[in-house]
N, C-alpha and C. Protein backbone atom coordinates (compact mmCIF):
# COMPACT_ATOMS: atom_id res chain seq x y z
N MET A 1 -6.66 -10.34 18.10
CA MET A 1 -6.21 -9.29 19.00
C MET A 1 -4.92 -9.74 19.67
N LYS A 2 -3.96 -8.81 19.78
CA LYS A 2 -2.68 -9.14 20.40
C LYS A 2 -2.85 -9.31 21.90
N PRO A 3 -2.06 -10.22 22.51
CA PRO A 3 -2.13 -10.35 23.96
C PRO A 3 -1.60 -9.08 24.62
N VAL A 4 -2.18 -8.71 25.73
CA VAL A 4 -1.77 -7.51 26.45
C VAL A 4 -0.64 -7.89 27.40
N THR A 5 0.49 -7.16 27.29
CA THR A 5 1.61 -7.41 28.19
C THR A 5 1.39 -6.65 29.49
N LEU A 6 2.13 -7.03 30.52
CA LEU A 6 2.02 -6.34 31.80
C LEU A 6 2.38 -4.87 31.64
N ALA A 7 3.43 -4.59 30.86
CA ALA A 7 3.85 -3.20 30.64
C ALA A 7 2.73 -2.40 29.96
N ALA A 8 2.09 -2.98 28.94
CA ALA A 8 1.01 -2.28 28.25
C ALA A 8 -0.16 -2.04 29.20
N LEU A 9 -0.45 -3.03 30.05
CA LEU A 9 -1.53 -2.88 31.01
C LEU A 9 -1.23 -1.76 32.00
N LEU A 10 -0.01 -1.70 32.49
CA LEU A 10 0.38 -0.63 33.41
C LEU A 10 0.29 0.74 32.74
N ILE A 11 0.77 0.83 31.51
CA ILE A 11 0.70 2.10 30.78
C ILE A 11 -0.75 2.49 30.58
N THR A 12 -1.58 1.53 30.25
CA THR A 12 -3.00 1.79 30.06
C THR A 12 -3.64 2.31 31.34
N LEU A 13 -3.31 1.68 32.47
CA LEU A 13 -3.87 2.12 33.74
C LEU A 13 -3.38 3.52 34.10
N ILE A 14 -2.09 3.78 33.86
CA ILE A 14 -1.51 5.09 34.20
C ILE A 14 -2.07 6.18 33.30
N LEU A 15 -2.19 5.90 32.00
CA LEU A 15 -2.64 6.92 31.06
C LEU A 15 -4.14 6.90 30.82
N GLY A 16 -4.84 6.09 31.55
CA GLY A 16 -6.29 6.06 31.43
C GLY A 16 -6.79 5.43 30.14
N GLY A 17 -6.05 4.47 29.60
CA GLY A 17 -6.51 3.76 28.42
C GLY A 17 -6.06 4.35 27.11
N SER A 18 -5.47 5.54 27.10
CA SER A 18 -5.13 6.18 25.84
C SER A 18 -4.04 5.45 25.07
N ALA A 19 -3.12 4.80 25.77
CA ALA A 19 -2.05 4.08 25.07
C ALA A 19 -2.61 2.90 24.30
N MET A 20 -3.52 2.17 24.92
CA MET A 20 -4.10 1.02 24.24
C MET A 20 -4.97 1.48 23.06
N ALA A 21 -5.71 2.55 23.24
CA ALA A 21 -6.54 3.07 22.15
C ALA A 21 -5.67 3.52 20.99
N ALA A 22 -4.54 4.15 21.27
CA ALA A 22 -3.64 4.60 20.22
C ALA A 22 -3.10 3.42 19.44
N THR A 23 -2.74 2.34 20.13
CA THR A 23 -2.23 1.15 19.46
C THR A 23 -3.31 0.52 18.60
N ALA A 24 -4.51 0.43 19.13
CA ALA A 24 -5.60 -0.22 18.40
C ALA A 24 -5.97 0.54 17.13
N SER A 25 -5.79 1.85 17.11
CA SER A 25 -6.22 2.64 15.97
C SER A 25 -5.07 3.15 15.11
N ALA A 26 -3.86 2.68 15.34
CA ALA A 26 -2.70 3.20 14.62
C ALA A 26 -2.80 3.05 13.11
N ASN A 27 -3.41 1.98 12.65
CA ASN A 27 -3.53 1.81 11.20
C ASN A 27 -4.96 1.98 10.70
N ASP A 28 -5.79 2.67 11.47
CA ASP A 28 -7.17 2.90 11.05
C ASP A 28 -7.27 3.72 9.76
N TRP A 29 -6.23 4.45 9.41
CA TRP A 29 -6.25 5.22 8.17
C TRP A 29 -6.34 4.32 6.94
N LEU A 30 -6.08 3.02 7.13
CA LEU A 30 -6.23 2.06 6.03
C LEU A 30 -7.66 1.51 5.94
N ASP A 31 -8.51 1.88 6.88
CA ASP A 31 -9.86 1.33 6.96
C ASP A 31 -10.79 1.99 5.93
N HIS A 32 -10.63 1.58 4.68
CA HIS A 32 -11.44 2.10 3.58
C HIS A 32 -11.88 0.95 2.70
N ASP A 33 -13.15 0.95 2.36
CA ASP A 33 -13.67 -0.02 1.39
C ASP A 33 -13.41 0.53 0.00
N MET A 34 -12.77 -0.28 -0.82
CA MET A 34 -12.42 0.16 -2.17
C MET A 34 -12.78 -0.94 -3.16
N ARG A 35 -13.08 -0.51 -4.36
CA ARG A 35 -13.42 -1.45 -5.41
C ARG A 35 -12.15 -1.94 -6.09
N ARG A 36 -12.12 -3.24 -6.36
CA ARG A 36 -10.99 -3.81 -7.10
C ARG A 36 -11.02 -3.28 -8.54
N LEU A 37 -9.86 -3.23 -9.16
CA LEU A 37 -9.74 -2.76 -10.53
C LEU A 37 -10.58 -3.62 -11.47
N HIS A 38 -11.43 -2.96 -12.25
CA HIS A 38 -12.30 -3.58 -13.26
C HIS A 38 -13.13 -4.73 -12.67
N SER A 39 -13.74 -4.43 -11.53
CA SER A 39 -14.54 -5.42 -10.83
C SER A 39 -15.61 -4.69 -10.03
N SER A 40 -16.67 -5.39 -9.70
CA SER A 40 -17.69 -4.83 -8.81
C SER A 40 -17.39 -5.19 -7.36
N GLU A 41 -16.39 -6.05 -7.14
CA GLU A 41 -16.04 -6.48 -5.78
C GLU A 41 -15.38 -5.34 -5.00
N THR A 42 -15.85 -5.17 -3.79
CA THR A 42 -15.29 -4.17 -2.88
C THR A 42 -14.56 -4.90 -1.76
N VAL A 43 -13.38 -4.40 -1.40
CA VAL A 43 -12.60 -4.97 -0.31
C VAL A 43 -12.17 -3.86 0.63
N ASN A 44 -11.89 -4.22 1.85
CA ASN A 44 -11.42 -3.27 2.85
C ASN A 44 -9.89 -3.36 2.89
N ILE A 45 -9.23 -2.23 2.72
CA ILE A 45 -7.77 -2.21 2.65
C ILE A 45 -7.16 -2.62 3.99
N LYS A 46 -7.74 -2.17 5.09
CA LYS A 46 -7.23 -2.57 6.41
C LYS A 46 -7.32 -4.08 6.58
N ALA A 47 -8.42 -4.67 6.12
CA ALA A 47 -8.58 -6.13 6.21
C ALA A 47 -7.57 -6.84 5.32
N LEU A 48 -7.30 -6.28 4.12
CA LEU A 48 -6.29 -6.88 3.25
C LEU A 48 -4.92 -6.88 3.92
N ALA A 49 -4.63 -5.81 4.65
CA ALA A 49 -3.33 -5.65 5.29
C ALA A 49 -3.23 -6.33 6.65
N ALA A 50 -4.36 -6.79 7.17
CA ALA A 50 -4.38 -7.40 8.50
C ALA A 50 -3.39 -8.55 8.58
N ASP A 51 -2.67 -8.59 9.66
CA ASP A 51 -1.71 -9.66 9.96
C ASP A 51 -0.49 -9.67 9.05
N ALA A 52 -0.36 -8.71 8.15
CA ALA A 52 0.83 -8.64 7.30
C ALA A 52 1.93 -7.88 8.03
N PRO A 53 3.12 -8.46 8.14
CA PRO A 53 4.22 -7.74 8.79
C PRO A 53 4.76 -6.60 7.95
N ALA A 54 4.43 -6.59 6.66
CA ALA A 54 4.88 -5.53 5.76
C ALA A 54 3.85 -5.36 4.65
N VAL A 55 3.50 -4.10 4.37
CA VAL A 55 2.56 -3.78 3.30
C VAL A 55 3.24 -2.78 2.37
N LEU A 56 3.18 -3.06 1.08
CA LEU A 56 3.75 -2.16 0.08
C LEU A 56 2.60 -1.59 -0.73
N LEU A 57 2.38 -0.28 -0.56
CA LEU A 57 1.31 0.42 -1.28
C LEU A 57 1.95 1.17 -2.45
N VAL A 58 1.37 1.03 -3.64
CA VAL A 58 1.97 1.59 -4.85
C VAL A 58 0.91 2.27 -5.69
N ASN A 59 1.17 3.52 -6.12
CA ASN A 59 0.27 4.16 -7.09
C ASN A 59 0.78 3.80 -8.48
N THR A 60 -0.13 3.38 -9.35
CA THR A 60 0.26 2.84 -10.65
C THR A 60 -0.46 3.56 -11.79
N ALA A 61 0.03 3.34 -13.00
CA ALA A 61 -0.62 3.83 -14.22
C ALA A 61 -0.22 2.92 -15.37
N SER A 62 -1.14 2.72 -16.29
CA SER A 62 -0.90 1.76 -17.37
C SER A 62 -0.21 2.35 -18.60
N HIS A 63 -0.11 3.67 -18.69
CA HIS A 63 0.53 4.31 -19.85
C HIS A 63 1.69 5.19 -19.41
N CYS A 64 2.55 4.66 -18.63
CA CYS A 64 3.66 5.41 -18.03
C CYS A 64 4.97 4.73 -18.41
N GLY A 65 6.02 5.50 -18.45
CA GLY A 65 7.33 4.93 -18.73
C GLY A 65 7.78 3.93 -17.67
N PHE A 66 7.14 3.95 -16.51
CA PHE A 66 7.48 3.04 -15.42
C PHE A 66 6.53 1.85 -15.33
N THR A 67 5.60 1.73 -16.28
CA THR A 67 4.60 0.65 -16.25
C THR A 67 5.25 -0.73 -16.18
N GLY A 68 6.43 -0.87 -16.74
CA GLY A 68 7.15 -2.14 -16.67
C GLY A 68 7.43 -2.58 -15.24
N GLN A 69 7.31 -1.67 -14.28
CA GLN A 69 7.54 -2.04 -12.88
C GLN A 69 6.47 -3.00 -12.35
N PHE A 70 5.36 -3.12 -13.07
CA PHE A 70 4.38 -4.14 -12.67
C PHE A 70 5.06 -5.51 -12.58
N GLU A 71 5.94 -5.79 -13.52
CA GLU A 71 6.63 -7.08 -13.54
C GLU A 71 7.47 -7.26 -12.28
N GLY A 72 8.21 -6.24 -11.89
CA GLY A 72 9.02 -6.31 -10.68
C GLY A 72 8.18 -6.38 -9.41
N LEU A 73 7.06 -5.68 -9.40
CA LEU A 73 6.16 -5.74 -8.24
C LEU A 73 5.58 -7.14 -8.09
N GLU A 74 5.23 -7.75 -9.23
CA GLU A 74 4.72 -9.12 -9.18
C GLU A 74 5.81 -10.07 -8.69
N THR A 75 7.04 -9.85 -9.11
CA THR A 75 8.16 -10.68 -8.64
C THR A 75 8.33 -10.54 -7.13
N LEU A 76 8.26 -9.30 -6.62
CA LEU A 76 8.32 -9.09 -5.15
C LEU A 76 7.18 -9.82 -4.46
N HIS A 77 6.00 -9.66 -5.01
CA HIS A 77 4.82 -10.32 -4.43
C HIS A 77 5.04 -11.83 -4.37
N GLN A 78 5.48 -12.42 -5.44
CA GLN A 78 5.71 -13.87 -5.48
C GLN A 78 6.83 -14.29 -4.51
N ALA A 79 7.87 -13.48 -4.43
CA ALA A 79 9.03 -13.84 -3.59
C ALA A 79 8.74 -13.72 -2.10
N TYR A 80 7.91 -12.76 -1.70
CA TYR A 80 7.74 -12.47 -0.28
C TYR A 80 6.34 -12.72 0.28
N ALA A 81 5.40 -13.10 -0.54
CA ALA A 81 4.02 -13.30 -0.04
C ALA A 81 3.96 -14.35 1.05
N ASP A 82 4.71 -15.44 0.89
CA ASP A 82 4.69 -16.50 1.90
C ASP A 82 5.26 -16.04 3.24
N ARG A 83 6.07 -14.99 3.22
CA ARG A 83 6.64 -14.45 4.45
C ARG A 83 5.80 -13.31 5.01
N GLY A 84 4.73 -12.94 4.29
CA GLY A 84 3.81 -11.95 4.83
C GLY A 84 3.74 -10.61 4.13
N LEU A 85 4.52 -10.40 3.07
CA LEU A 85 4.43 -9.12 2.37
C LEU A 85 3.09 -9.04 1.65
N LYS A 86 2.43 -7.91 1.79
CA LYS A 86 1.18 -7.65 1.07
C LYS A 86 1.43 -6.48 0.14
N VAL A 87 1.32 -6.72 -1.16
CA VAL A 87 1.46 -5.65 -2.16
C VAL A 87 0.06 -5.24 -2.59
N ILE A 88 -0.20 -3.93 -2.54
CA ILE A 88 -1.50 -3.41 -2.97
C ILE A 88 -1.24 -2.25 -3.92
N GLY A 89 -1.73 -2.39 -5.14
CA GLY A 89 -1.59 -1.34 -6.14
C GLY A 89 -2.86 -0.51 -6.24
N PHE A 90 -2.68 0.77 -6.51
CA PHE A 90 -3.80 1.70 -6.66
C PHE A 90 -3.67 2.38 -8.01
N SER A 91 -4.53 2.02 -8.92
CA SER A 91 -4.56 2.68 -10.22
C SER A 91 -4.83 4.16 -10.00
N SER A 92 -4.11 5.01 -10.74
CA SER A 92 -4.31 6.45 -10.58
C SER A 92 -4.09 7.17 -11.89
N ASP A 93 -4.87 8.22 -12.09
CA ASP A 93 -4.69 9.09 -13.26
C ASP A 93 -4.24 10.48 -12.82
N SER A 94 -3.66 10.58 -11.63
CA SER A 94 -3.23 11.88 -11.13
C SER A 94 -2.15 12.51 -12.00
N PHE A 95 -1.47 11.72 -12.80
CA PHE A 95 -0.42 12.24 -13.68
C PHE A 95 -0.81 12.05 -15.15
N ASN A 96 -2.12 11.84 -15.38
CA ASN A 96 -2.67 11.74 -16.73
C ASN A 96 -2.03 10.64 -17.57
N GLN A 97 -1.76 9.50 -16.93
CA GLN A 97 -1.15 8.40 -17.67
C GLN A 97 -1.85 7.07 -17.45
N GLU A 98 -3.07 7.14 -16.98
CA GLU A 98 -3.87 5.92 -16.82
C GLU A 98 -4.82 5.82 -17.99
N ALA A 99 -5.12 4.60 -18.38
CA ALA A 99 -6.07 4.38 -19.46
C ALA A 99 -7.42 4.98 -19.09
N ASP A 100 -8.11 5.55 -20.07
CA ASP A 100 -9.44 6.10 -19.82
C ASP A 100 -10.45 5.00 -19.53
N ASP A 101 -10.20 3.84 -20.09
CA ASP A 101 -11.09 2.70 -19.92
C ASP A 101 -10.48 1.76 -18.88
N GLU A 102 -11.24 1.50 -17.83
CA GLU A 102 -10.73 0.64 -16.75
C GLU A 102 -10.40 -0.77 -17.24
N ALA A 103 -11.12 -1.24 -18.24
CA ALA A 103 -10.84 -2.56 -18.80
C ALA A 103 -9.44 -2.58 -19.42
N ALA A 104 -9.05 -1.49 -20.07
CA ALA A 104 -7.71 -1.41 -20.66
C ALA A 104 -6.63 -1.37 -19.58
N ALA A 105 -6.90 -0.64 -18.50
CA ALA A 105 -5.94 -0.61 -17.39
C ALA A 105 -5.80 -2.00 -16.77
N ALA A 106 -6.91 -2.69 -16.61
CA ALA A 106 -6.88 -4.04 -16.05
C ALA A 106 -6.12 -4.99 -16.97
N GLU A 107 -6.31 -4.85 -18.28
CA GLU A 107 -5.60 -5.70 -19.23
C GLU A 107 -4.10 -5.49 -19.11
N THR A 108 -3.68 -4.25 -18.97
CA THR A 108 -2.25 -3.97 -18.80
C THR A 108 -1.72 -4.69 -17.57
N CYS A 109 -2.43 -4.59 -16.46
CA CYS A 109 -1.97 -5.21 -15.21
C CYS A 109 -2.02 -6.73 -15.28
N PHE A 110 -3.20 -7.25 -15.52
CA PHE A 110 -3.44 -8.67 -15.34
C PHE A 110 -3.02 -9.53 -16.53
N VAL A 111 -3.17 -9.02 -17.75
CA VAL A 111 -2.83 -9.81 -18.94
C VAL A 111 -1.38 -9.56 -19.36
N ASN A 112 -1.04 -8.29 -19.55
CA ASN A 112 0.30 -7.97 -20.05
C ASN A 112 1.41 -8.28 -19.03
N PHE A 113 1.13 -8.05 -17.74
CA PHE A 113 2.17 -8.23 -16.72
C PHE A 113 1.88 -9.34 -15.73
N GLY A 114 0.77 -10.02 -15.83
CA GLY A 114 0.47 -11.16 -14.97
C GLY A 114 0.32 -10.81 -13.50
N VAL A 115 -0.16 -9.60 -13.22
CA VAL A 115 -0.30 -9.16 -11.83
C VAL A 115 -1.31 -10.04 -11.10
N SER A 116 -0.90 -10.56 -9.95
CA SER A 116 -1.81 -11.34 -9.10
C SER A 116 -1.99 -10.69 -7.73
N PHE A 117 -1.23 -9.63 -7.45
CA PHE A 117 -1.44 -8.92 -6.19
C PHE A 117 -2.68 -8.04 -6.33
N ASP A 118 -3.16 -7.53 -5.21
CA ASP A 118 -4.39 -6.74 -5.20
C ASP A 118 -4.20 -5.42 -5.94
N MET A 119 -5.12 -5.13 -6.85
CA MET A 119 -5.14 -3.86 -7.57
C MET A 119 -6.50 -3.21 -7.34
N MET A 120 -6.46 -1.95 -6.93
CA MET A 120 -7.68 -1.20 -6.65
C MET A 120 -8.03 -0.31 -7.84
N ALA A 121 -9.29 0.03 -7.95
CA ALA A 121 -9.78 0.91 -9.01
C ALA A 121 -9.13 2.29 -8.89
N THR A 122 -9.20 3.03 -9.96
CA THR A 122 -8.52 4.33 -10.09
C THR A 122 -9.00 5.33 -9.04
N VAL A 123 -8.00 5.95 -8.37
CA VAL A 123 -8.25 7.00 -7.37
C VAL A 123 -7.21 8.10 -7.54
N PRO A 124 -7.54 9.33 -7.14
CA PRO A 124 -6.53 10.39 -7.13
C PRO A 124 -5.55 10.16 -5.98
N VAL A 125 -4.27 10.45 -6.20
CA VAL A 125 -3.27 10.16 -5.17
C VAL A 125 -2.52 11.39 -4.67
N ARG A 126 -2.85 12.55 -5.21
CA ARG A 126 -2.18 13.76 -4.70
C ARG A 126 -3.11 14.97 -4.79
N GLY A 127 -2.75 15.98 -4.03
CA GLY A 127 -3.55 17.20 -4.02
C GLY A 127 -4.72 17.12 -3.07
N GLY A 128 -5.57 18.12 -3.14
CA GLY A 128 -6.71 18.23 -2.24
C GLY A 128 -7.75 17.15 -2.39
N ASN A 129 -7.80 16.49 -3.55
CA ASN A 129 -8.78 15.43 -3.73
C ASN A 129 -8.15 14.04 -3.65
N ALA A 130 -6.94 13.95 -3.09
CA ALA A 130 -6.27 12.64 -2.93
C ALA A 130 -7.12 11.72 -2.07
N HIS A 131 -7.14 10.45 -2.43
CA HIS A 131 -7.83 9.47 -1.60
C HIS A 131 -7.24 9.56 -0.19
N PRO A 132 -8.05 9.38 0.87
CA PRO A 132 -7.55 9.51 2.24
C PRO A 132 -6.33 8.64 2.54
N ILE A 133 -6.21 7.49 1.93
CA ILE A 133 -5.01 6.67 2.16
C ILE A 133 -3.77 7.40 1.67
N PHE A 134 -3.86 8.02 0.49
CA PHE A 134 -2.70 8.73 -0.04
C PHE A 134 -2.48 10.07 0.65
N ALA A 135 -3.53 10.66 1.18
CA ALA A 135 -3.37 11.87 2.00
C ALA A 135 -2.56 11.53 3.25
N GLU A 136 -2.84 10.38 3.86
CA GLU A 136 -2.09 9.97 5.05
C GLU A 136 -0.65 9.58 4.69
N LEU A 137 -0.47 8.91 3.57
CA LEU A 137 0.90 8.58 3.12
C LEU A 137 1.70 9.87 2.94
N ALA A 138 1.08 10.88 2.34
CA ALA A 138 1.75 12.18 2.15
C ALA A 138 2.05 12.84 3.48
N ARG A 139 1.12 12.74 4.43
CA ARG A 139 1.33 13.34 5.75
C ARG A 139 2.51 12.69 6.45
N GLN A 140 2.58 11.36 6.36
CA GLN A 140 3.66 10.64 7.04
C GLN A 140 5.00 10.72 6.30
N SER A 141 4.97 10.88 5.00
CA SER A 141 6.24 10.89 4.25
C SER A 141 6.20 11.98 3.19
N ARG A 142 5.69 11.66 2.01
CA ARG A 142 5.55 12.65 0.94
C ARG A 142 4.50 12.16 -0.05
N ALA A 143 3.90 13.11 -0.74
CA ALA A 143 2.92 12.75 -1.77
C ALA A 143 3.66 12.14 -2.95
N PRO A 144 2.99 11.28 -3.69
CA PRO A 144 3.63 10.73 -4.89
C PRO A 144 4.04 11.86 -5.83
N ARG A 145 5.26 11.77 -6.33
CA ARG A 145 5.74 12.76 -7.28
C ARG A 145 5.51 12.30 -8.72
N TRP A 146 5.20 11.03 -8.86
CA TRP A 146 4.93 10.44 -10.16
C TRP A 146 4.29 9.08 -9.91
N ASN A 147 4.05 8.35 -10.97
CA ASN A 147 3.50 7.01 -10.84
C ASN A 147 4.56 6.07 -10.27
N PHE A 148 4.11 4.99 -9.69
CA PHE A 148 4.95 3.92 -9.15
C PHE A 148 5.81 4.37 -7.97
N ASN A 149 5.23 5.23 -7.11
CA ASN A 149 5.83 5.49 -5.81
C ASN A 149 5.45 4.30 -4.94
N LYS A 150 6.38 3.90 -4.10
CA LYS A 150 6.17 2.72 -3.26
C LYS A 150 6.30 3.15 -1.80
N TYR A 151 5.32 2.76 -1.00
CA TYR A 151 5.30 3.10 0.42
C TYR A 151 5.30 1.81 1.22
N LEU A 152 6.33 1.60 1.99
CA LEU A 152 6.43 0.42 2.84
C LEU A 152 5.85 0.78 4.20
N VAL A 153 4.81 0.04 4.61
CA VAL A 153 4.06 0.36 5.82
C VAL A 153 4.15 -0.80 6.81
N SER A 154 4.39 -0.45 8.07
CA SER A 154 4.48 -1.44 9.15
C SER A 154 3.08 -1.85 9.59
N PRO A 155 2.97 -2.93 10.39
CA PRO A 155 1.65 -3.34 10.91
C PRO A 155 1.00 -2.27 11.78
N GLU A 156 1.80 -1.39 12.33
CA GLU A 156 1.28 -0.31 13.18
C GLU A 156 0.75 0.86 12.35
N GLY A 157 0.88 0.77 11.02
CA GLY A 157 0.38 1.83 10.16
C GLY A 157 1.37 2.95 9.93
N GLU A 158 2.62 2.73 10.23
CA GLU A 158 3.65 3.75 10.04
C GLU A 158 4.36 3.53 8.70
N VAL A 159 4.55 4.62 7.96
CA VAL A 159 5.34 4.53 6.74
C VAL A 159 6.79 4.37 7.16
N VAL A 160 7.34 3.19 6.89
CA VAL A 160 8.73 2.90 7.24
C VAL A 160 9.67 3.61 6.28
N GLU A 161 9.31 3.56 5.00
CA GLU A 161 10.12 4.22 3.99
C GLU A 161 9.27 4.42 2.74
N ALA A 162 9.55 5.53 2.05
CA ALA A 162 8.89 5.81 0.77
C ALA A 162 9.95 5.77 -0.32
N PHE A 163 9.60 5.17 -1.44
CA PHE A 163 10.52 5.02 -2.56
C PHE A 163 9.87 5.64 -3.79
N GLY A 164 10.60 6.46 -4.50
CA GLY A 164 10.09 7.09 -5.70
C GLY A 164 10.06 6.14 -6.88
N ALA A 165 9.58 6.64 -8.00
CA ALA A 165 9.45 5.85 -9.21
C ALA A 165 10.78 5.32 -9.71
N MET A 166 11.85 6.04 -9.45
CA MET A 166 13.16 5.62 -9.93
C MET A 166 13.68 4.39 -9.19
N THR A 167 13.13 4.10 -8.02
CA THR A 167 13.53 2.90 -7.29
C THR A 167 12.76 1.72 -7.85
N ARG A 168 13.47 0.85 -8.49
CA ARG A 168 12.86 -0.34 -9.10
C ARG A 168 12.43 -1.32 -8.01
N PRO A 169 11.37 -2.08 -8.24
CA PRO A 169 10.93 -3.07 -7.25
C PRO A 169 12.01 -4.08 -6.87
N GLY A 170 12.92 -4.37 -7.77
CA GLY A 170 13.98 -5.33 -7.47
C GLY A 170 15.22 -4.73 -6.85
N SER A 171 15.16 -3.44 -6.49
CA SER A 171 16.35 -2.79 -5.94
C SER A 171 16.73 -3.39 -4.58
N ALA A 172 18.02 -3.45 -4.33
CA ALA A 172 18.52 -4.00 -3.07
C ALA A 172 17.99 -3.17 -1.88
N LYS A 173 17.89 -1.87 -2.05
CA LYS A 173 17.43 -0.99 -0.97
C LYS A 173 15.99 -1.33 -0.57
N LEU A 174 15.12 -1.50 -1.55
CA LEU A 174 13.73 -1.84 -1.26
C LEU A 174 13.63 -3.23 -0.64
N LYS A 175 14.35 -4.18 -1.19
CA LYS A 175 14.32 -5.54 -0.64
C LYS A 175 14.82 -5.58 0.79
N ARG A 176 15.88 -4.84 1.10
CA ARG A 176 16.40 -4.79 2.48
C ARG A 176 15.34 -4.25 3.43
N ALA A 177 14.68 -3.18 3.02
CA ALA A 177 13.64 -2.57 3.87
C ALA A 177 12.50 -3.55 4.11
N ILE A 178 12.09 -4.28 3.08
CA ILE A 178 11.03 -5.28 3.24
C ILE A 178 11.48 -6.37 4.18
N GLU A 179 12.68 -6.88 3.97
CA GLU A 179 13.19 -7.99 4.80
C GLU A 179 13.33 -7.59 6.26
N GLN A 180 13.62 -6.33 6.53
CA GLN A 180 13.71 -5.88 7.92
C GLN A 180 12.35 -5.95 8.62
N LEU A 181 11.28 -5.73 7.88
CA LEU A 181 9.95 -5.84 8.48
C LEU A 181 9.46 -7.28 8.58
N LEU A 182 9.94 -8.11 7.67
CA LEU A 182 9.50 -9.50 7.70
C LEU A 182 10.27 -10.25 8.76
């Protein structure tokens, strides 16, 4: 828990506690238990993101023209993990480009591209049945228009910037945005 500053305490007293409650729950939209890709293990996304100064959430697919971005995402993960970047991928078939077999999707990620960052099992990322995390990403910025949309999220749960599929993981623009949070 963060230490309470005098200013925060005064605001809390003046507003009857609502300011502190708002701060405590700002990233509660990440509080979802999800299954890892091709695994029975379940993890909490908020817990994965805890204490990270920057979180990059990405919707992915294994049969997409942008699938090669797994390599760049892994490079980002390796380059910035020690400084606190947390990359979390979400397999999705919302654009009909994910493998029907989860084992095949996992092979694409982990074997073909050497992904070591967290990958979650397949979820819908747009429309009325979008997973609540992606519904909130859409509310704060925009829904994914295709696979490999990247959402940079602050510790407070705010989408700092959204990057479309055309923005490569190694782009200077994405790296600058990450470095500003780190």
